[in-house]
Amino acid sequence: MASTTAVDVVMPQMGVSVSEGTITKWLKQVGETVEADESLLEISTDKVDTEVPAPATGVVSEILVQEGETVAVGTLLARIGGDGAGGSAPPDEAPAEPATQSAADASAAAATEGEAAPESAEPPAERAEPAPAGNGRAFVSPVVARIAAEHGIDPSQVPGSGSGGRVTKKDILAFVEQGPPEAPQPAAPEPEPVAQPEPAPAEPVARPQPAPAAQPVAAPAAAQVGETLEPMSAMRRGIAEHMRRSLDTSAHVTSAIEVDMSKVVQIREKLKKEYQAAYGVNPTFLAFIARATVETLRDFPWVNGEIRGDQIVTKSFVNLGFAVELADGKGLIVPVVKNAETLNLLGMAKAIADVARRAREKQLTPDDVAGGSFTITNPGGYGTFHGTPIISQPQAAILGTYAVVKRPWVITDENGADAIAIRSIMNLTLTYDHRLVDGAYAGRFLRDLRERLQSWGESDY
C-alpha cells in the first residue's frame, strides 16, 4: 500500500568505515511511483557501488540531493509520499527543513559505530555546540582523518567544501595531490630584555628571511582536440588511493611458476555438463585453483596472514577475495567468499559465480568486500600469461592466474625416458609482502599448489 505520510530516504550506513557516499544516479524521478524494496537510486562509496532500495511504496515527492553530490551518512536524500514539494531542491540550495527522525536515527547509529554523525541543519538553541575537532569544523570523518594521518597533514589547513566547511574525502585527496601552499615563515620573536649591571649595546637580531611564496598550482589543462575529460568516480578514487597506499606499505615481490593443467582440463570436461545440468553452475579453472589454494594455505599460514603493527597475524580461516571487473572497465571490486576452507569444488564454483554476479549487478554491500585474508585475480581469462598484481591491504599476498595454453612440454614416459608432449600449461604468480614472506617460503607455496593441481583426482572434488 502506498504511503500517505512522507517517508524519508537517507544516505545509508554502508559499513563501519564508510562515512559518506556519492549519488551516481536516480532511478526514479519526482512524480514517479516506486514500490517498497525497488531500487530507487545508485550510490558510490570508496568501497563499493550499490543500489539503494525504496523504504516504502509511494510517489517520489522530493529529491533533495542531486546526482554527483557527495553527502554524509544520515543525510536526507529524498521523500516518498506525503505532501512534498513535488520537485527537487535546487542543486545549490540545502533543504529548508532539518532531517527528520529517521535521518537522525541513522546518524546516531553511525556515531555508535565510531563514525562522526553530521549535525542537523538547525540545532535547538539550548543544545551545546560541539567542540571543534582542532580545525574549527564540527567533525572530520574517519576516512579523512586516516588519509590526513598517512600524509602528515593537519586537516585544519585543508579548505573544506562540505556542509559548514567540513573537509570531505575529495578535499583531502585534492590537497594531497596539489600539496599545501608554503606560507612565509614568521619573524623570530624579539628577545626578552635581560637586566645587566652595564648593558652592552644590543646586537642586531638575525631574522630568518621569509620563504618565497609558493607558486599557485596550475589548474588542470583544458581538453585538447580529440580529448575528453571526465571526473573520477568515488570508486576509481578509492582504487587509486588503495593501490598507491599498498605500494607505499608492502615490499612487493613476485614469483611465478608453470603448472601442467592437463588433469584439471580432463576432469573439468567430465564435470561441466553434470554441474551445469544439475546445479546451473560452470566449474571454471578458477574454481579448481581456488579449491587447491585453500588447501595449500593450510600449510603456509603467513601467506594467509598479515602484519599488524609489529605483530604477525595468522588465521584459522580463509576469506578468499576474487577481483571482479565491473562493466566497461569502470572499476574493480574484490568480493570475499567467507570461510572458503569449508567449501568443496561445487560449493566453490557456486560461491564464485554468486559474488561475481552480484558485483556486476551492484548488489554487494561493504560487508561483502570486507575481511578478506587472501586474494586471487584472474586476468588469464583475457589471454594474458603473466602479471605482477598489487596486494590488497592488509593482506600479505595475492595470487595471479593466467591463460591455459597448449604448449610442447617435456614429460617422462612409462619407461623413464624423456619425451615431448602437448600439454595444457598455465602460469601462476604469487605477489607477496617481503616484510613477512620470504622468497623460499613463497616458492614452496607455489610448488605445493602446482603439485595439487597436477595430481588432481576424484577425492579432490
Protein backbone atom coordinates (compact mmCIF):
# COMPACT_ATOMS: atom_id res chain seq x y z
CA MET A 1 0.00 0.00 0.00
CA ALA A 2 1.25 3.45 -0.91
CA SER A 3 2.46 5.64 1.95
CA THR A 4 0.12 8.50 2.92
CA THR A 5 2.74 10.17 5.11
CA ALA A 6 6.15 11.26 3.97
CA VAL A 7 8.82 8.59 4.30
CA ASP A 8 12.41 9.83 4.37
CA VAL A 9 15.16 8.32 2.24
CA VAL A 10 18.57 8.89 3.86
CA MET A 11 22.14 8.08 2.93
CA PRO A 12 22.55 4.61 4.46
CA GLN A 13 25.37 3.47 6.72
CA MET A 14 27.30 1.26 4.31
CA GLY A 15 29.74 -0.24 6.79
CA VAL A 16 31.63 0.92 9.85
CA SER A 17 34.41 2.70 7.96
CA VAL A 18 32.17 4.45 5.40
CA SER A 19 31.13 7.97 6.38
CA GLU A 20 29.87 9.40 3.10
CA GLY A 21 28.58 8.45 -0.32
CA THR A 22 28.07 9.94 -3.77
CA ILE A 23 24.75 9.91 -5.62
CA THR A 24 25.58 8.46 -9.03
CA LYS A 25 22.09 8.00 -10.48
CA TRP A 26 18.44 8.45 -9.53
CA LEU A 27 16.47 5.51 -10.91
CA LYS A 28 13.15 7.24 -10.14
CA GLN A 29 12.24 10.88 -10.61
CA VAL A 30 9.81 13.20 -8.82
CA GLY A 31 6.24 12.16 -9.56
CA GLU A 32 7.09 8.54 -10.37
CA THR A 33 5.77 5.63 -8.31
CA VAL A 34 8.19 3.31 -6.58
CA GLU A 35 7.49 0.01 -4.82
CA ALA A 36 8.94 -0.87 -1.44
CA ASP A 37 12.36 -2.54 -1.88
CA GLU A 38 12.50 -1.49 -5.53
CA SER A 39 15.81 0.15 -6.48
CA LEU A 40 15.46 3.91 -6.05
CA LEU A 41 18.98 5.24 -6.63
CA GLU A 42 22.59 4.21 -7.10
CA ILE A 43 25.32 5.39 -4.75
CA SER A 44 29.08 5.06 -4.80
CA THR A 45 31.48 4.94 -1.86
CA ASP A 46 35.21 4.39 -1.70
CA LYS A 47 34.49 0.69 -1.18
CA VAL A 48 31.54 -0.31 -3.36
CA ASP A 49 28.92 0.82 -5.87
CA THR A 50 25.44 -0.30 -4.94
CA GLU A 51 21.72 0.34 -5.37
CA VAL A 52 19.57 1.69 -2.54
CA PRO A 53 16.04 0.22 -2.26
CA ALA A 54 12.99 2.35 -1.53
CA PRO A 55 11.90 2.12 2.13
CA ALA A 56 8.18 2.33 1.22
CA THR A 57 5.70 2.25 -1.63
CA GLY A 58 4.52 5.60 -2.94
CA VAL A 59 5.21 8.53 -5.23
CA VAL A 60 8.59 10.23 -5.10
CA SER A 61 7.59 13.67 -3.81
CA GLU A 62 11.02 15.28 -3.36
CA ILE A 63 14.61 14.75 -4.42
CA LEU A 64 16.90 16.81 -2.20
CA VAL A 65 20.38 15.70 -3.28
CA GLN A 66 21.37 15.78 -6.92
CA GLU A 67 23.42 13.30 -8.94
CA GLY A 68 27.15 13.78 -8.44
CA GLU A 69 26.85 15.21 -4.92
CA THR A 70 28.73 13.60 -2.02
CA VAL A 71 26.99 13.72 1.35
CA ALA A 72 27.47 12.27 4.83
CA VAL A 73 25.76 9.18 6.19
CA GLY A 74 22.29 10.07 7.51
CA THR A 75 21.75 12.96 5.08
CA LEU A 76 18.17 13.29 3.84
CA LEU A 77 18.18 12.38 0.14
CA ALA A 78 14.52 12.27 -0.85
CA ARG A 79 10.96 11.79 0.37
CA ILE A 80 8.33 9.31 -0.73
CA GLY A 81 4.63 10.15 -0.35
CA GLY A 82 3.15 12.84 1.86
CA ASP A 83 2.58 16.45 0.84
CA GLY A 84 6.04 17.01 -0.64
CA ALA A 85 7.05 19.98 -2.66
CA GLY A 86 6.60 17.96 -5.82
CA GLY A 87 10.02 18.85 -7.14
CA SER A 88 13.67 18.53 -6.47
CA ALA A 89 15.54 21.11 -4.47
CA PRO A 90 17.86 23.38 -6.49
CA PRO A 91 21.36 21.90 -6.58
CA ASP A 92 22.92 24.93 -4.84
CA GLU A 93 20.42 25.09 -2.01
CA ALA A 94 20.15 22.87 1.05
CA PRO A 95 16.68 21.61 2.03
CA ALA A 96 14.85 24.16 4.15
CA GLU A 97 13.79 21.65 6.81
CA PRO A 98 16.20 19.72 9.05
CA ALA A 99 16.43 15.98 8.61
CA THR A 100 13.57 14.09 10.25
CA GLN A 101 13.83 11.47 12.93
CA SER A 102 14.80 8.69 10.53
CA ALA A 103 17.84 10.66 9.38
CA ALA A 104 18.73 11.47 12.98
CA ASP A 105 18.43 7.80 13.88
CA ALA A 106 20.76 6.86 11.04
CA SER A 107 23.26 9.49 12.17
CA ALA A 108 23.08 8.26 15.74
CA ALA A 109 23.70 4.71 14.57
CA ALA A 110 26.73 5.89 12.63
CA ALA A 111 28.08 7.65 15.72
CA THR A 112 27.56 4.48 17.76
CA GLU A 113 29.80 2.58 15.36
CA GLY A 114 32.58 5.13 15.69
CA GLU A 115 31.64 7.36 12.76
CA ALA A 116 31.15 11.08 13.36
CA ALA A 117 27.48 11.96 12.84
CA PRO A 118 26.53 15.09 10.87
CA GLU A 119 24.77 17.82 12.82
CA SER A 120 21.20 18.76 11.94
CA ALA A 121 20.73 21.94 9.95
CA GLU A 122 19.19 23.93 12.84
CA PRO A 123 20.20 22.64 16.30
CA PRO A 124 17.99 23.78 19.18
CA ALA A 125 19.17 26.93 20.94
CA GLU A 126 19.66 25.19 24.26
CA ARG A 127 21.85 22.48 22.76
CA ALA A 128 25.57 22.94 23.42
CA GLU A 129 27.70 23.50 20.36
CA PRO A 130 30.04 20.58 19.63
CA ALA A 131 33.68 21.23 20.25
CA PRO A 132 35.66 21.75 17.07
CA ALA A 133 37.89 18.86 16.05
CA GLY A 134 41.02 21.00 16.09
CA ASN A 135 40.14 22.85 12.92
CA GLY A 136 37.04 24.82 13.75
CA ARG A 137 34.77 22.37 11.98
CA ALA A 138 32.16 20.11 13.52
CA PHE A 139 33.99 16.89 12.73
CA VAL A 140 36.44 15.10 10.45
CA SER A 141 35.33 11.72 9.13
CA PRO A 142 37.48 8.64 9.86
CA VAL A 143 38.35 8.32 6.16
CA VAL A 144 39.60 11.93 6.05
CA ALA A 145 41.44 11.51 9.35
CA ARG A 146 43.19 8.37 8.11
CA ILE A 147 44.34 9.97 4.85
CA ALA A 148 45.50 13.08 6.73
CA ALA A 149 47.48 10.96 9.20
CA GLU A 150 49.10 8.90 6.42
CA HIS A 151 50.34 12.06 4.67
CA GLY A 152 51.15 14.09 7.81
CA ILE A 153 48.54 16.73 7.03
CA ASP A 154 46.75 18.93 9.55
CA PRO A 155 43.08 18.89 8.43
CA SER A 156 42.73 22.49 9.62
CA GLN A 157 44.93 23.54 6.69
CA VAL A 158 42.59 21.95 4.12
CA PRO A 159 39.82 24.11 2.64
CA GLY A 160 36.54 22.29 3.21
CA SER A 161 33.74 22.16 0.67
CA GLY A 162 31.31 20.15 2.80
CA SER A 163 28.44 21.38 4.92
CA GLY A 164 29.63 24.08 7.34
CA GLY A 165 33.13 23.96 5.82
CA ARG A 166 33.58 20.25 6.61
CA VAL A 167 36.62 18.65 4.97
CA THR A 168 35.47 15.85 2.68
CA LYS A 169 37.47 12.98 1.25
CA LYS A 170 37.53 14.80 -2.10
CA ASP A 171 39.05 17.85 -0.40
CA ILE A 172 41.81 15.93 1.37
CA LEU A 173 42.75 13.92 -1.75
CA ALA A 174 42.94 17.12 -3.82
CA PHE A 175 45.09 18.71 -1.10
CA VAL A 176 47.44 15.70 -1.10
CA GLU A 177 47.76 15.81 -4.88
CA GLN A 178 48.39 19.57 -5.10
CA GLY A 179 50.43 19.96 -1.93
CA PRO A 180 49.93 22.65 0.70
CA PRO A 181 51.00 26.22 -0.13
CA GLU A 182 54.16 27.30 1.62
CA ALA A 183 53.42 30.12 3.99
CA PRO A 184 56.12 32.72 4.78
CA GLN A 185 57.95 31.91 7.97
CA PRO A 186 57.06 34.26 10.83
CA ALA A 187 59.75 36.58 12.13
CA ALA A 188 61.58 35.41 15.22
CA PRO A 189 60.14 36.94 18.40
CA GLU A 190 62.03 39.81 19.99
CA PRO A 191 64.35 38.54 22.75
CA GLU A 192 63.29 39.33 26.28
CA PRO A 193 65.44 42.12 27.76
CA VAL A 194 67.77 40.81 30.44
CA ALA A 195 68.87 43.19 33.18
CA GLN A 196 72.65 43.61 33.18
CA PRO A 197 74.79 45.76 35.51
CA GLU A 198 76.24 47.50 32.48
CA PRO A 199 74.15 46.59 29.44
CA ALA A 200 76.22 46.21 26.32
CA PRO A 201 74.95 47.64 23.07
CA ALA A 202 72.29 45.33 21.72
CA GLU A 203 73.44 43.15 18.87
CA PRO A 204 71.08 43.11 15.91
CA VAL A 205 68.91 40.05 15.97
CA ALA A 206 69.20 37.94 12.85
CA ARG A 207 65.75 37.37 11.49
CA PRO A 208 65.05 34.48 9.13
CA GLN A 209 64.08 35.59 5.68
CA PRO A 210 60.54 34.61 4.78
CA ALA A 211 60.34 31.74 2.34
CA PRO A 212 59.23 32.73 -1.11
CA ALA A 213 55.53 32.26 -1.61
CA ALA A 214 54.64 29.01 -3.33
CA GLN A 215 53.61 29.33 -6.90
CA PRO A 216 49.90 28.68 -7.35
CA VAL A 217 49.14 25.18 -8.60
CA ALA A 218 48.06 25.35 -12.19
CA ALA A 219 44.55 24.19 -12.90
CA PRO A 220 44.24 21.03 -14.99
CA ALA A 221 44.68 21.85 -18.64
CA ALA A 222 41.52 22.02 -20.69
CA ALA A 223 40.79 19.19 -23.06
CA GLN A 224 42.63 19.43 -26.35
CA VAL A 225 41.25 18.43 -29.70
CA GLY A 226 40.44 14.73 -29.61
CA GLU A 227 40.46 14.56 -25.79
CA THR A 228 37.57 14.02 -23.40
CA LEU A 229 37.65 14.89 -19.69
CA GLU A 230 35.55 13.09 -17.11
CA PRO A 231 35.70 13.23 -13.31
CA MET A 232 36.97 10.21 -11.43
CA SER A 233 34.20 8.26 -9.71
CA ALA A 234 34.29 7.66 -5.96
CA MET A 235 35.19 4.04 -6.64
CA ARG A 236 38.03 4.95 -9.01
CA ARG A 237 39.43 7.45 -6.48
CA GLY A 238 39.22 4.76 -3.82
CA ILE A 239 41.05 2.26 -6.06
CA ALA A 240 43.76 4.81 -6.82
CA GLU A 241 44.30 5.64 -3.15
CA HIS A 242 44.25 1.97 -2.09
CA MET A 243 46.72 0.84 -4.76
CA ARG A 244 49.14 3.70 -4.07
CA ARG A 245 48.95 3.06 -0.32
CA SER A 246 49.63 -0.65 -0.85
CA LEU A 247 52.81 0.07 -2.82
CA ASP A 248 53.90 2.51 -0.13
CA THR A 249 53.22 -0.08 2.61
CA SER A 250 54.31 -3.52 1.42
CA ALA A 251 57.64 -4.67 -0.02
CA HIS A 252 56.21 -6.21 -3.21
CA VAL A 253 57.97 -9.22 -4.75
CA THR A 254 56.51 -11.54 -7.42
CA SER A 255 57.41 -15.19 -8.06
CA ALA A 256 56.00 -17.32 -10.90
CA ILE A 257 55.60 -20.99 -11.68
CA GLU A 258 54.34 -23.09 -14.61
CA VAL A 259 51.62 -25.67 -13.98
CA ASP A 260 50.55 -28.58 -16.16
CA MET A 261 46.76 -28.32 -16.01
CA SER A 262 46.09 -31.38 -18.20
CA LYS A 263 44.42 -33.41 -15.45
CA VAL A 264 42.27 -30.45 -14.41
CA VAL A 265 41.23 -29.95 -18.05
CA GLN A 266 40.11 -33.60 -18.29
CA ILE A 267 38.17 -33.53 -15.01
CA ARG A 268 36.58 -30.19 -15.84
CA GLU A 269 35.27 -31.52 -19.15
CA LYS A 270 33.82 -34.51 -17.31
CA LEU A 271 32.08 -32.37 -14.66
CA LYS A 272 30.98 -29.48 -16.87
CA LYS A 273 27.76 -30.99 -18.22
CA GLU A 274 26.85 -32.51 -14.85
CA TYR A 275 27.30 -29.26 -12.92
CA GLN A 276 25.51 -27.13 -15.48
CA ALA A 277 22.55 -29.51 -15.78
CA ALA A 278 22.10 -30.25 -12.07
CA TYR A 279 23.25 -27.01 -10.44
CA GLY A 280 23.33 -24.35 -13.17
CA VAL A 281 26.98 -23.58 -12.50
CA ASN A 282 30.11 -23.81 -14.63
CA PRO A 283 33.18 -25.41 -12.98
CA THR A 284 35.75 -22.89 -14.21
CA PHE A 285 39.50 -23.25 -13.93
CA LEU A 286 39.31 -20.56 -11.25
CA ALA A 287 37.17 -22.81 -9.05
CA PHE A 288 39.78 -25.60 -9.25
CA ILE A 289 42.61 -23.20 -8.48
CA ALA A 290 40.71 -21.62 -5.57
CA ARG A 291 39.97 -25.04 -4.06
CA ALA A 292 43.64 -26.09 -4.34
CA THR A 293 44.80 -22.71 -3.00
CA VAL A 294 42.70 -23.03 0.15
CA GLU A 295 44.18 -26.46 0.84
CA THR A 296 47.72 -25.17 0.29
CA LEU A 297 47.22 -22.16 2.57
CA ARG A 298 46.70 -24.54 5.50
CA ASP A 299 50.42 -25.32 5.33
CA PHE A 300 51.55 -21.73 4.73
CA PRO A 301 49.72 -19.54 7.27
CA TRP A 302 51.91 -16.48 6.69
CA VAL A 303 50.75 -16.29 3.06
CA ASN A 304 47.22 -16.06 4.50
CA GLY A 305 48.31 -13.71 7.30
CA GLU A 306 49.12 -10.05 7.77
CA ILE A 307 51.40 -7.67 9.62
CA ARG A 308 49.57 -5.70 12.30
CA GLY A 309 51.89 -3.18 13.88
CA ASP A 310 54.91 -5.19 15.00
CA GLN A 311 52.97 -8.45 15.24
CA ILE A 312 52.36 -11.26 12.74
CA VAL A 313 48.70 -12.30 12.49
CA THR A 314 47.82 -15.82 11.34
CA LYS A 315 44.28 -17.08 10.81
CA SER A 316 42.47 -20.38 11.12
CA PHE A 317 40.11 -19.41 8.27
CA VAL A 318 40.49 -18.40 4.65
CA ASN A 319 38.36 -15.48 3.50
CA LEU A 320 39.06 -15.64 -0.21
CA GLY A 321 38.72 -12.48 -2.30
CA PHE A 322 38.20 -12.52 -6.08
CA ALA A 323 38.99 -9.48 -8.22
CA VAL A 324 35.98 -8.73 -10.45
CA GLU A 325 35.97 -6.18 -13.25
CA LEU A 326 32.82 -4.07 -13.49
CA ALA A 327 31.10 -3.24 -16.77
CA ASP A 328 33.16 -1.38 -19.39
CA GLY A 329 36.24 -1.33 -17.17
CA LYS A 330 34.68 1.34 -14.93
CA GLY A 331 36.05 -0.20 -11.75
CA LEU A 332 37.41 -3.21 -9.97
CA ILE A 333 35.93 -4.75 -6.86
CA VAL A 334 37.04 -7.68 -4.70
CA PRO A 335 34.09 -9.53 -3.13
CA VAL A 336 35.04 -12.03 -0.47
CA VAL A 337 33.93 -15.65 -0.03
CA LYS A 338 33.99 -16.10 3.73
CA ASN A 339 35.29 -19.35 5.25
CA ALA A 340 36.29 -20.76 1.88
CA GLU A 341 38.05 -23.64 3.65
CA THR A 342 34.61 -25.20 4.29
CA LEU A 343 33.70 -25.45 0.56
CA ASN A 344 34.21 -28.37 -1.81
CA LEU A 345 34.70 -27.86 -5.56
CA LEU A 346 30.98 -27.48 -6.27
CA GLY A 347 30.50 -25.07 -3.37
CA MET A 348 33.47 -23.01 -4.53
CA ALA A 349 32.15 -22.81 -8.10
CA LYS A 350 28.74 -21.66 -6.81
CA ALA A 351 30.27 -19.07 -4.48
CA ILE A 352 32.49 -17.58 -7.20
CA ALA A 353 29.59 -17.33 -9.65
CA ASP A 354 27.38 -15.71 -6.98
CA VAL A 355 29.80 -12.97 -5.89
CA ALA A 356 30.76 -12.18 -9.49
CA ARG A 357 27.10 -11.80 -10.49
CA ARG A 358 26.23 -9.62 -7.50
CA ALA A 359 29.30 -7.44 -8.10
CA ARG A 360 28.30 -6.75 -11.71
CA GLU A 361 24.66 -6.15 -10.76
CA LYS A 362 25.64 -3.73 -7.96
CA GLN A 363 24.09 -5.88 -5.26
CA LEU A 364 27.13 -6.04 -2.97
CA THR A 365 27.39 -4.30 0.38
CA PRO A 366 30.63 -3.17 2.04
CA ASP A 367 30.43 -6.26 4.27
CA ASP A 368 30.73 -8.40 1.11
CA VAL A 369 34.11 -6.82 0.30
CA ALA A 370 35.50 -6.68 3.83
CA GLY A 371 37.54 -9.15 5.84
CA GLY A 372 39.50 -10.84 3.05
CA SER A 373 42.62 -12.74 4.07
CA PHE A 374 43.92 -13.74 0.61
CA THR A 375 43.03 -12.65 -2.93
CA ILE A 376 43.02 -14.28 -6.37
CA THR A 377 42.99 -12.20 -9.56
CA ASN A 378 42.26 -13.87 -12.89
CA PRO A 379 43.43 -11.78 -15.88
CA GLY A 380 44.10 -15.02 -17.74
CA GLY A 381 40.50 -15.01 -18.90
CA TYR A 382 41.61 -12.37 -21.44
CA GLY A 383 44.61 -14.37 -22.65
CA THR A 384 47.38 -12.80 -20.57
CA PHE A 385 50.16 -15.13 -19.42
CA HIS A 386 51.96 -13.10 -16.74
CA GLY A 387 51.46 -10.16 -14.39
CA THR A 388 52.53 -8.54 -11.11
CA PRO A 389 49.34 -7.77 -9.16
CA ILE A 390 49.26 -5.32 -6.25
CA ILE A 391 48.49 -6.73 -2.80
CA SER A 392 45.16 -5.81 -1.24
CA GLN A 393 45.99 -4.33 2.16
CA PRO A 394 46.38 -5.52 4.85
CA GLN A 395 46.84 -8.94 3.27
CA ALA A 396 50.28 -10.46 2.73
CA ALA A 397 49.89 -11.89 -0.78
CA ILE A 398 47.83 -12.14 -3.96
CA LEU A 399 47.72 -14.99 -6.50
CA GLY A 400 47.54 -14.26 -10.23
CA THR A 401 46.09 -16.89 -12.58
CA TYR A 402 46.72 -16.74 -16.32
CA ALA A 403 45.65 -18.28 -19.61
CA VAL A 404 45.68 -22.04 -20.09
CA VAL A 405 47.53 -22.64 -23.37
CA LYS A 406 48.65 -25.79 -25.18
CA ARG A 407 52.42 -26.00 -25.39
CA PRO A 408 55.09 -28.61 -26.10
CA TRP A 409 56.17 -29.99 -22.75
CA VAL A 410 58.88 -32.40 -21.69
CA ILE A 411 57.44 -35.39 -19.82
CA THR A 412 58.81 -38.70 -18.58
CA ASP A 413 57.18 -41.71 -20.22
CA GLU A 414 56.44 -45.06 -18.63
CA ASN A 415 59.96 -46.25 -19.43
CA GLY A 416 61.58 -43.35 -17.65
CA ALA A 417 62.65 -41.68 -20.87
CA ASP A 418 62.09 -38.02 -21.69
CA ALA A 419 59.53 -37.22 -24.36
CA ILE A 420 57.83 -34.16 -25.77
CA ALA A 421 54.04 -33.96 -25.45
CA ILE A 422 51.36 -31.32 -25.98
CA ARG A 423 50.11 -30.24 -22.56
CA SER A 424 47.76 -27.54 -21.20
CA ILE A 425 50.02 -25.15 -19.32
CA MET A 426 49.13 -22.24 -17.02
CA ASN A 427 51.38 -19.69 -15.34
CA LEU A 428 50.67 -18.74 -11.73
CA THR A 429 52.22 -15.77 -9.94
CA LEU A 430 52.38 -15.02 -6.25
CA THR A 431 52.98 -11.40 -5.30
CA TYR A 432 53.87 -11.25 -1.62
CA ASP A 433 54.93 -8.80 1.07
CA HIS A 434 58.62 -9.49 1.60
CA ARG A 435 58.40 -7.97 5.08
CA LEU A 436 56.61 -11.18 6.12
CA VAL A 437 57.01 -13.76 3.34
CA ASP A 438 60.48 -14.73 2.11
CA GLY A 439 61.23 -15.98 -1.39
CA ALA A 440 61.86 -19.57 -0.29
CA TYR A 441 58.58 -19.66 1.65
CA ALA A 442 56.70 -18.29 -1.38
CA GLY A 443 58.48 -20.77 -3.66
CA ARG A 444 57.41 -23.73 -1.52
CA PHE A 445 53.83 -22.44 -1.52
CA LEU A 446 53.78 -22.29 -5.34
CA ARG A 447 55.47 -25.70 -5.59
CA ASP A 448 52.85 -27.36 -3.38
CA LEU A 449 49.99 -25.56 -5.17
CA ARG A 450 51.33 -26.83 -8.50
CA GLU A 451 51.54 -30.37 -7.15
CA ARG A 452 47.91 -30.30 -6.04
CA LEU A 453 46.73 -29.08 -9.43
CA GLN A 454 48.86 -31.54 -11.42
CA SER A 455 47.75 -34.52 -9.33
CA TRP A 456 44.05 -33.62 -9.09
CA GLY A 457 41.96 -36.74 -8.53
CA GLU A 458 38.48 -37.96 -7.66
CA SER A 459 38.96 -37.24 -3.94
CA ASP A 460 39.59 -33.57 -4.60
CA TYR A 461 36.06 -32.75 -5.72
